[in-house]
Protein backbone atom coordinates (compact mmCIF):
# COMPACT_ATOMS: atom_id res chain seq x y z
CA SER A 1 9.20 -19.16 11.15
CA ARG A 2 11.53 -17.56 8.73
CA GLN A 3 11.29 -14.60 7.14
CA THR A 4 12.46 -11.94 4.36
CA ILE A 5 12.50 -8.45 5.65
CA THR A 6 13.83 -5.51 3.52
CA CYS A 7 16.94 -3.20 4.69
CA SER A 8 16.44 0.37 3.41
CA SER A 9 19.93 0.35 2.25
CA TRP A 10 18.74 -2.11 -0.36
CA LYS A 11 18.64 -1.14 -3.66
CA THR A 12 16.28 -3.09 -5.74
CA PRO A 13 18.53 -4.41 -9.13
CA VAL A 14 17.46 -3.33 -12.35
CA ALA A 15 16.85 -5.32 -15.35
CA GLY A 16 18.77 -4.27 -18.60
CA GLY A 17 22.19 -3.71 -16.57
CA GLN A 18 24.19 -6.05 -17.97
CA PRO A 19 23.18 -8.73 -20.98
CA ARG A 20 22.68 -12.29 -19.51
CA GLU A 21 24.20 -15.14 -21.34
CA LYS A 22 22.72 -17.79 -23.16
CA ARG A 23 22.47 -20.95 -20.46
CA THR A 24 25.09 -18.60 -17.70
CA PRO A 25 27.11 -20.19 -15.89
CA LYS A 26 26.27 -21.53 -12.50
CA ARG A 27 26.59 -19.52 -9.81
CA ALA A 28 26.34 -19.94 -6.15
CA LEU A 29 25.89 -17.35 -3.07
CA ILE A 30 28.15 -18.50 -0.20
CA ILE A 31 26.08 -17.05 3.53
CA VAL A 32 29.17 -16.83 5.65
CA ASP A 33 28.48 -17.23 9.48
CA LEU A 34 25.35 -15.28 10.13
CA GLN A 35 25.12 -17.09 13.51
CA ASN A 36 23.71 -15.67 16.50
CA ASP A 37 27.25 -14.82 17.93
CA PHE A 38 28.46 -12.75 14.98
CA ALA A 39 24.87 -11.09 13.88
CA ALA A 40 21.87 -11.68 16.55
CA TRP A 41 20.30 -9.16 19.01
CA GLY A 42 19.38 -11.67 21.70
CA ASP A 43 17.35 -11.52 24.85
CA SER A 44 20.58 -11.39 26.57
CA GLY A 45 22.26 -8.75 24.48
CA ASN A 46 24.67 -8.99 21.26
CA GLY A 47 26.15 -12.16 20.23
CA THR A 48 29.44 -12.28 21.64
CA MET A 49 31.25 -11.37 18.69
CA SER A 50 28.75 -9.15 16.97
CA ALA A 51 30.31 -6.78 14.10
CA PRO A 52 28.48 -3.36 13.37
CA GLY A 53 25.67 -3.64 11.43
CA ARG A 54 25.29 -7.21 11.39
CA MET A 55 21.68 -7.18 11.22
CA GLU A 56 22.11 -5.61 7.45
CA ALA A 57 23.83 -8.35 6.29
CA VAL A 58 21.10 -10.65 7.47
CA HIS A 59 18.83 -8.29 5.86
CA ASN A 60 20.22 -7.56 2.99
CA THR A 61 21.34 -11.47 2.42
CA ASN A 62 17.73 -12.43 2.68
CA GLN A 63 17.35 -10.00 -0.32
CA LEU A 64 20.28 -10.45 -2.59
CA ARG A 65 18.68 -14.17 -2.63
CA GLU A 66 15.21 -12.79 -3.04
CA ALA A 67 16.50 -10.58 -5.97
CA PHE A 68 18.52 -13.34 -8.15
CA GLU A 69 17.96 -16.76 -9.24
CA PHE A 70 21.24 -18.58 -7.64
CA ASP A 71 21.75 -22.21 -8.21
CA VAL A 72 23.07 -22.90 -4.94
CA VAL A 73 22.99 -21.35 -1.48
CA VAL A 74 25.78 -22.46 0.69
CA LEU A 75 25.65 -21.37 4.23
CA THR A 76 29.23 -22.28 6.35
CA ARG A 77 29.15 -22.04 10.11
CA ASP A 78 31.71 -22.03 12.79
CA TRP A 79 31.17 -25.39 15.14
CA HIS A 80 33.92 -25.56 17.38
CA PRO A 81 34.03 -27.76 19.93
CA PRO A 82 34.56 -26.52 23.73
CA ASP A 83 38.25 -26.88 24.17
CA HIS A 84 39.05 -25.05 20.27
CA CYS A 85 42.27 -23.28 20.58
CA SER A 86 40.84 -19.86 18.81
CA PHE A 87 38.82 -19.06 22.76
CA TRP A 88 41.17 -17.04 24.55
CA SER A 89 39.75 -18.77 27.23
CA ASN A 90 41.67 -21.83 26.93
CA HIS A 91 44.94 -20.27 26.95
CA GLU A 92 46.29 -19.62 30.15
CA GLY A 93 47.46 -16.09 30.95
CA ALA A 94 46.15 -14.56 27.20
CA GLU A 95 44.14 -11.36 27.07
CA VAL A 96 41.01 -11.25 24.32
CA LEU A 97 42.42 -10.41 21.00
CA GLU A 98 45.53 -11.30 21.57
CA LEU A 99 48.06 -12.61 18.71
CA LYS A 100 49.52 -15.87 19.77
CA THR A 101 51.97 -18.31 17.46
CA LEU A 102 50.57 -21.92 17.54
CA LYS A 103 53.03 -24.50 17.24
CA TYR A 104 52.63 -27.59 15.86
CA ALA A 105 54.46 -31.34 15.92
CA ASP A 106 55.74 -30.91 12.45
CA GLY A 107 57.68 -27.67 13.44
CA THR A 108 55.56 -25.26 11.66
CA GLU A 109 53.63 -22.46 13.30
CA LEU A 110 50.08 -20.84 12.29
CA ASP A 111 49.24 -17.09 14.24
CA GLN A 112 45.76 -17.04 15.76
CA VAL A 113 44.19 -14.40 17.06
CA LEU A 114 42.70 -15.53 20.76
CA TRP A 115 38.60 -14.71 20.10
CA PRO A 116 36.05 -14.41 23.26
CA VAL A 117 34.12 -17.67 22.85
CA HIS A 118 31.78 -18.44 20.44
CA CYS A 119 29.84 -20.39 18.23
CA VAL A 120 30.38 -23.59 20.44
CA GLN A 121 28.85 -26.65 19.16
CA GLY A 122 24.79 -26.83 19.88
CA GLU A 123 24.46 -23.93 21.65
CA TRP A 124 22.35 -20.58 20.70
CA GLY A 125 25.43 -19.14 19.78
CA SER A 126 26.11 -21.30 17.18
CA GLN A 127 22.71 -21.34 15.88
CA PHE A 128 21.63 -19.47 12.20
CA CYS A 129 20.22 -15.95 12.97
CA ASP A 130 16.39 -16.44 13.38
CA GLU A 131 15.87 -13.80 10.24
CA LEU A 132 18.18 -15.37 8.18
CA VAL A 133 16.13 -17.27 5.33
CA VAL A 134 17.57 -21.16 5.41
CA LEU A 135 15.56 -23.25 3.01
CA GLU A 136 15.92 -27.19 3.12
CA SER A 137 17.35 -27.24 -0.24
CA ASP A 138 20.76 -25.05 1.19
CA ILE A 139 23.83 -26.81 1.86
CA ILE A 140 25.67 -26.55 4.99
CA ILE A 141 29.48 -26.55 5.79
CA ASN A 142 30.48 -26.71 9.39
CA LYS A 143 33.89 -25.29 9.74
CA GLY A 144 36.20 -24.94 12.77
CA MET A 145 35.98 -28.23 14.24
CA ASN A 146 39.95 -29.59 14.61
CA VAL A 147 40.27 -27.87 18.31
CA ASP A 148 44.31 -27.64 16.87
CA VAL A 149 43.56 -25.45 14.31
CA ASP A 150 40.92 -22.60 13.19
CA SER A 151 39.24 -22.38 9.63
CA TYR A 152 37.90 -18.61 8.87
CA SER A 153 37.48 -20.11 5.22
CA GLY A 154 34.37 -22.52 4.53
CA PHE A 155 36.72 -24.19 1.97
CA PHE A 156 40.27 -25.05 4.30
CA ASP A 157 41.67 -24.53 7.27
CA ASN A 158 43.62 -21.93 8.28
CA GLY A 159 46.84 -23.95 8.03
CA ARG A 160 45.45 -25.74 4.72
CA ARG A 161 45.76 -28.53 6.69
CA ALA A 162 42.14 -29.94 5.73
CA GLN A 163 39.65 -28.95 3.56
CA THR A 164 35.63 -29.24 3.76
CA THR A 165 33.66 -30.89 1.44
CA LEU A 166 32.64 -27.21 -0.40
CA GLN A 167 35.39 -27.54 -3.38
CA ARG A 168 33.97 -30.93 -4.41
CA GLN A 169 30.19 -30.34 -3.79
CA LEU A 170 30.04 -26.87 -6.35
CA LYS A 171 32.26 -28.30 -8.57
CA GLU A 172 30.23 -31.69 -9.12
CA MET A 173 27.46 -29.16 -9.33
CA GLY A 174 28.88 -27.35 -12.08
CA VAL A 175 29.61 -24.14 -10.33
CA SER A 176 31.90 -21.70 -11.62
CA GLU A 177 30.86 -18.36 -9.97
CA VAL A 178 30.51 -17.60 -5.83
CA TYR A 179 29.21 -14.84 -4.58
CA CYS A 180 30.44 -14.56 -0.75
CA VAL A 181 28.54 -12.41 1.92
CA GLY A 182 28.15 -12.31 5.36
CA ILE A 183 30.38 -11.82 8.89
CA ALA A 184 33.00 -10.73 9.27
CA LEU A 185 33.61 -9.15 5.56
CA ASP A 186 37.89 -8.84 7.06
CA TYR A 187 37.98 -12.28 8.26
CA CYS A 188 36.02 -15.48 7.14
CA VAL A 189 34.42 -13.51 4.56
CA GLY A 190 37.23 -12.42 2.44
CA SER A 191 39.20 -15.63 3.43
CA THR A 192 35.98 -17.92 1.55
CA ALA A 193 36.17 -15.38 -0.95
CA VAL A 194 40.14 -15.60 -1.39
CA ASP A 195 40.12 -20.03 -1.53
CA ALA A 196 36.99 -20.02 -3.86
CA ALA A 197 39.48 -17.85 -6.15
CA GLN A 198 42.63 -20.25 -5.57
CA CYS A 199 39.90 -22.91 -6.22
CA GLY A 200 39.52 -21.85 -9.65
CA PHE A 201 36.37 -20.23 -9.69
CA THR A 202 35.23 -16.89 -10.43
CA SER A 203 34.89 -14.96 -7.14
CA TYR A 204 32.99 -11.86 -5.61
CA ILE A 205 32.08 -10.39 -2.42
CA VAL A 206 29.08 -8.19 -2.54
CA GLU A 207 29.72 -5.90 0.15
CA ASP A 208 26.79 -4.32 1.16
CA CYS A 209 25.48 -7.86 2.07
CA SER A 210 28.29 -7.94 4.99
CA LYS A 211 29.84 -6.20 7.66
CA LEU A 212 33.47 -6.25 8.91
CA ILE A 213 35.34 -6.04 12.57
CA ALA A 214 37.70 -3.43 11.93
CA GLU A 215 39.36 -0.90 9.54
CA GLU A 216 42.37 -1.77 9.43
CA SER A 217 42.21 -5.84 9.19
CA TRP A 218 39.44 -4.92 6.55
CA LYS A 219 42.68 -2.90 4.39
CA VAL A 220 45.23 -6.05 5.22
CA MET A 221 42.14 -8.80 3.56
CA GLN A 222 41.66 -6.12 0.55
CA GLY A 223 45.46 -6.45 -0.34
CA ARG A 224 44.62 -10.28 -0.35
CA LEU A 225 41.61 -10.18 -2.35
CA ALA A 226 43.28 -7.93 -5.06
CA GLU A 227 46.32 -10.22 -5.19
CA ASN A 228 43.77 -13.60 -5.89
CA GLY A 229 41.43 -11.56 -8.05
CA VAL A 230 38.49 -11.15 -6.44
CA GLN A 231 36.27 -8.66 -6.89
CA VAL A 232 34.18 -6.41 -4.85
CA ILE A 233 31.25 -4.90 -5.15
CA ASN A 234 27.44 -4.08 -3.88
CA SER A 235 24.44 -5.85 -4.74
CA SER A 236 23.54 -3.56 -7.46
CA GLN A 237 26.53 -4.60 -9.24
CA VAL A 238 25.69 -8.25 -9.45
CA PRO A 239 26.24 -9.36 -13.19
CA MET A 240 22.99 -11.60 -13.05
CA GLU A 241 19.62 -10.72 -14.50
CA PRO A 242 17.23 -10.01 -11.51
CA LYS A 243 14.43 -11.59 -11.00
CA GLU A 244 11.07 -9.86 -12.14
CA THR A 245 8.79 -8.34 -9.02
CA SER A 246 5.58 -6.93 -8.96
CA GLU A 247 4.34 -3.32 -7.83
CA LEU A 248 2.81 -5.06 -4.73
CA GLU A 249 6.05 -6.30 -3.51
CA GLU A 250 7.92 -3.38 -4.38
CA ALA A 251 5.22 -1.73 -2.25
CA MET A 252 5.43 -4.24 0.66
CA ARG A 253 9.39 -3.89 0.47
CA THR A 254 8.85 -0.25 1.10
CA GLU A 255 7.28 -0.76 3.70
CA ILE A 256 8.93 -3.13 5.43
CA ALA A 257 11.53 -0.67 5.38
CA GLY A 258 10.56 1.61 6.71
CA LEU A 259 9.35 -0.46 10.18
CA LEU A 260 12.86 -1.73 9.91
CA GLN A 261 14.38 1.61 10.39
CA ARG A 262 11.84 2.00 13.03
CA VAL A 263 13.30 -0.85 14.58
CA ARG A 264 16.76 0.25 14.38
CA GLU A 265 16.04 3.65 15.71
CA LEU A 266 14.52 2.20 18.91
CA GLU A 267 17.50 -0.56 18.82
CA GLN A 268 19.90 2.91 19.12
CA ASP A 269 17.59 4.30 21.83
CA VAL A 270 18.06 1.56 24.04
CA SER A 271 21.85 1.19 23.01
CA GLU A 272 22.37 5.13 24.68
CA ARG A 273 20.10 4.99 27.02
CA GLU A 274 21.71 1.90 28.44
CA GLU A 275 24.95 3.62 27.93
CA ARG A 276 23.95 6.10 29.90
CA GLU A 277 22.85 4.56 32.54
CA ARG A 278 26.43 2.50 32.89
CA GLU A 279 28.27 5.96 32.87
CA ARG A 280 25.73 7.18 35.96
CA GLU A 281 26.57 4.27 38.45
CA GLU A 282 29.88 4.52 37.08
CA ARG A 283 29.43 8.15 38.88
CA GLU A 284 27.79 6.92 41.86
CA ARG A 285 30.11 4.47 42.71
C-alpha cells in the first residue's frame, strides 16, 4: 500500500504568506518521471539512472500534494519500447552518455544523449516508486513511446513532431497554473516546465521536490527556464494557501522525519561499506 512519508528537509508552509484570491485559478501538480529506474532503491540496488538524492524528491513530492489542494495531479512516465533510440545499446559501437546526432528522412536532425536502458514498458524500472502517492484520480501521461525520437517533456517529443494529450486535458479542465516536480530537473522536469509556459500556462518548478543529474546540464536548463518565464521556487514559496493541519499530524510528521533521517544514514553506511569492499577486492586482485 502507498503511504506519505515526511522528509526532514520539508518545511511545512505557513498560512497567510500570500493572499488567496477569490476563486483562484485552477492549478495542476505535474509529477515528472518518479519511476524506479530514476528514483528507486530496490532489492537489487539503484535504478539504472538514479539521480542523487532521488528519494528525497519522492518524499517531498508526497508532502507537497498533501500540503496544498491541487485541482489536478498529473504523473508523467517514460514508457519506452526495448528498441528505443535513446538507449546506447541500440547503437552499434556507441558509449553510454555519448551525444549522437539522429538523422531523419525529412532531412532534420536531433541531438540525442545515449542513456542506459531505462523505463522499458511493463518492466520494474518503468513503474512508479512504491513510496510515491498515486491516486486513482491522477492523470497518467506516457511519453517516449516512439522508437525514433525521445520525449523529455510531458507535452511534446524532443522534435516537437507530436504531442501528448496533456495540453488538451489541462485546458479542458480550466487549468492555468502548473507546478512541475520530479526527476530529472535538468532534463525532463525542466523541459516539461518550458513547454507548459510555451503552451500558455503559468509555469513553476518546485526545486526541493526535484533532483538533477548534473550541475552543467542544470545551468543550461536554467537559461531555458529564464527565457520562457518559468519560475523556480521551493515548497515554502508556493503561492497557495496550505491546507490546515492538526497538532497531531504535525507531531507525526516530525516523528517520521526523524525515522527517515535514520534510514538515509543507514543507506549511507551501506554505500560506504560497499565502496570499501570494492576497494579491498581491487587491492587483492
